[in-house]
Amino acid sequence: MKFKQMYMEFSRLSEYGKPLSLLFARLAIAYGFYGPAMSKWKDIGSVSEWFGSLGIPFPTLNAYMAASTEALGVVLLTLGLFTRLISIPLIVVMVVAIITVHLPNGFSAGDNGFEIPLYYMLFLFIFVTNGAGKFSIDRLIFGEKN
């Protein structure tokens, strides 16, 4: 068998892993948002003050919006419900986090750089472009091409 044929067969077979990979990625990203969302809700006043110190306009409103978006994201990503839609505001949250907090620290996660929020954005973009996958409420409601 030629290399090209072997590669094409491997590619065909690897497609069977796509539903599980999307499920595991959704659950991992949802879990990653859980801690920050709960921390924000636990002390929204301090988050608002911190947002103000970062120069974020309307810090109280934006603290509530960020906490709500993250918490809603946890639920919707876990369920695979409106996955493409919720991924967009979560990407915006990550862009704001990168610009206001992480960018001055460089790339490395160990230095509180923008590495982790960038990875979250990339995964969220995968959800925007691929949907939630086979194991999702989106699939049940909207069909195969959710």
Protein backbone atom coordinates (compact mmCIF):
# COMPACT_ATOMS: atom_id res chain seq x y z
CA MET A 1 0.00 0.00 0.00
CA LYS A 2 1.38 3.39 -0.93
CA PHE A 3 2.05 6.00 1.72
CA LYS A 4 -0.69 8.26 0.35
CA GLN A 5 -3.25 5.45 0.54
CA MET A 6 -2.15 4.57 4.07
CA TYR A 7 -2.42 8.18 5.12
CA MET A 8 -5.86 8.53 3.55
CA GLU A 9 -7.03 5.40 5.39
CA PHE A 10 -5.61 6.71 8.67
CA SER A 11 -7.41 10.02 8.07
CA ARG A 12 -10.68 8.23 7.37
CA LEU A 13 -10.40 6.13 10.52
CA SER A 14 -9.40 9.08 12.70
CA GLU A 15 -12.69 10.81 11.83
CA TYR A 16 -14.37 8.36 14.22
CA GLY A 17 -12.62 10.13 17.11
CA LYS A 18 -13.99 13.57 16.26
CA PRO A 19 -17.18 13.32 18.38
CA LEU A 20 -15.26 12.26 21.48
CA SER A 21 -12.53 14.85 20.95
CA LEU A 22 -15.13 17.63 20.70
CA LEU A 23 -16.90 16.35 23.82
CA PHE A 24 -13.67 16.13 25.84
CA ALA A 25 -12.53 19.56 24.60
CA ARG A 26 -15.90 21.13 25.53
CA LEU A 27 -15.78 19.59 29.00
CA ALA A 28 -12.16 20.67 29.57
CA ILE A 29 -12.82 24.26 28.51
CA ALA A 30 -16.04 24.38 30.55
CA TYR A 31 -14.14 23.16 33.60
CA GLY A 32 -11.47 25.80 32.94
CA PHE A 33 -14.09 28.55 33.04
CA TYR A 34 -15.77 27.16 36.16
CA GLY A 35 -13.17 28.33 38.70
CA PRO A 36 -12.84 31.89 37.37
CA ALA A 37 -16.63 32.23 37.07
CA MET A 38 -17.23 31.07 40.65
CA SER A 39 -14.41 33.29 41.96
CA LYS A 40 -15.94 36.31 40.28
CA TRP A 41 -19.41 35.57 41.65
CA LYS A 42 -18.02 34.90 45.13
CA ASP A 43 -16.67 38.47 45.38
CA ILE A 44 -18.09 40.50 42.51
CA GLY A 45 -17.35 43.76 44.36
CA SER A 46 -13.62 43.07 44.43
CA VAL A 47 -13.71 42.03 40.78
CA SER A 48 -15.42 45.31 39.94
CA GLU A 49 -12.74 47.26 41.81
CA TRP A 50 -10.00 45.27 40.08
CA PHE A 51 -11.59 45.88 36.66
CA GLY A 52 -11.66 49.59 37.49
CA SER A 53 -7.98 49.54 38.43
CA LEU A 54 -7.23 47.95 35.03
CA GLY A 55 -8.99 50.82 33.27
CA ILE A 56 -11.94 48.73 32.11
CA PRO A 57 -14.89 51.07 31.55
CA PHE A 58 -18.07 50.49 33.57
CA PRO A 59 -16.23 48.05 35.82
CA THR A 60 -19.26 46.85 37.79
CA LEU A 61 -21.31 46.18 34.66
CA ASN A 62 -18.36 44.45 33.01
CA ALA A 63 -17.65 42.36 36.12
CA TYR A 64 -21.22 41.09 36.05
CA MET A 65 -21.07 40.53 32.30
CA ALA A 66 -17.79 38.58 32.49
CA ALA A 67 -18.99 36.46 35.43
CA SER A 68 -22.34 35.77 33.75
CA THR A 69 -20.77 34.91 30.41
CA GLU A 70 -18.29 32.53 32.02
CA ALA A 71 -20.96 30.84 34.18
CA LEU A 72 -23.35 30.50 31.25
CA GLY A 73 -20.46 29.19 29.18
CA VAL A 74 -19.80 26.45 31.74
CA VAL A 75 -23.38 25.25 31.54
CA LEU A 76 -23.83 25.53 27.78
CA LEU A 77 -20.46 24.01 26.86
CA THR A 78 -21.03 21.12 29.26
CA LEU A 79 -24.43 20.40 27.72
CA GLY A 80 -23.32 21.14 24.17
CA LEU A 81 -26.18 23.60 23.85
CA PHE A 82 -25.84 26.70 21.65
CA THR A 83 -22.14 25.86 21.56
CA ARG A 84 -21.27 27.93 18.50
CA LEU A 85 -23.15 30.91 19.90
CA ILE A 86 -21.73 30.93 23.46
CA SER A 87 -18.21 30.48 22.12
CA ILE A 88 -18.23 33.97 20.61
CA PRO A 89 -18.76 35.97 23.84
CA LEU A 90 -16.31 33.65 25.60
CA ILE A 91 -13.74 34.52 22.93
CA VAL A 92 -14.42 38.20 23.65
CA VAL A 93 -13.84 37.58 27.38
CA MET A 94 -10.50 35.95 26.52
CA VAL A 95 -9.48 38.84 24.24
CA VAL A 96 -10.22 41.33 27.03
CA ALA A 97 -8.31 39.17 29.53
CA ILE A 98 -5.31 39.01 27.21
CA ILE A 99 -5.27 42.75 26.53
CA THR A 100 -5.90 43.93 30.09
CA VAL A 101 -4.08 41.32 32.20
CA HIS A 102 -1.87 38.85 30.37
CA LEU A 103 -0.23 40.63 27.43
CA PRO A 104 2.22 42.69 29.50
CA ASN A 105 3.52 39.43 31.01
CA GLY A 106 4.51 37.91 27.68
CA PHE A 107 3.51 34.50 26.34
CA SER A 108 4.43 32.01 29.08
CA ALA A 109 1.65 30.71 31.33
CA GLY A 110 4.21 30.41 34.13
CA ASP A 111 4.63 34.20 34.05
CA ASN A 112 0.84 34.83 33.87
CA GLY A 113 1.25 35.46 30.15
CA PHE A 114 -1.36 35.08 27.45
CA GLU A 115 -0.63 31.42 26.64
CA ILE A 116 -3.65 29.85 28.39
CA PRO A 117 -6.27 32.41 27.28
CA LEU A 118 -4.91 32.04 23.74
CA TYR A 119 -5.41 28.26 23.92
CA TYR A 120 -8.94 28.80 25.21
CA MET A 121 -9.63 31.12 22.28
CA LEU A 122 -8.34 28.51 19.83
CA PHE A 123 -10.54 25.80 21.32
CA LEU A 124 -13.53 28.14 21.32
CA PHE A 125 -12.86 28.92 17.66
CA ILE A 126 -12.88 25.18 16.97
CA PHE A 127 -16.35 25.06 18.56
CA VAL A 128 -17.52 28.01 16.44
CA THR A 129 -16.35 26.30 13.26
CA ASN A 130 -17.14 22.65 14.10
CA GLY A 131 -20.06 22.88 16.50
CA ALA A 132 -20.52 20.78 19.62
CA GLY A 133 -20.26 17.40 17.97
CA LYS A 134 -22.30 14.24 18.08
CA PHE A 135 -22.56 14.07 21.88
CA SER A 136 -24.49 17.30 22.44
CA ILE A 137 -27.94 18.76 22.86
CA ASP A 138 -27.22 20.87 19.78
CA ARG A 139 -27.11 17.64 17.75
CA LEU A 140 -30.44 16.50 19.23
CA ILE A 141 -32.16 19.82 18.51
CA PHE A 142 -30.51 21.02 15.31
CA GLY A 143 -29.39 17.79 13.67
CA GLU A 144 -26.06 16.61 12.37
CA LYS A 145 -24.86 19.96 10.98
CA ASN A 146 -25.27 21.97 14.16
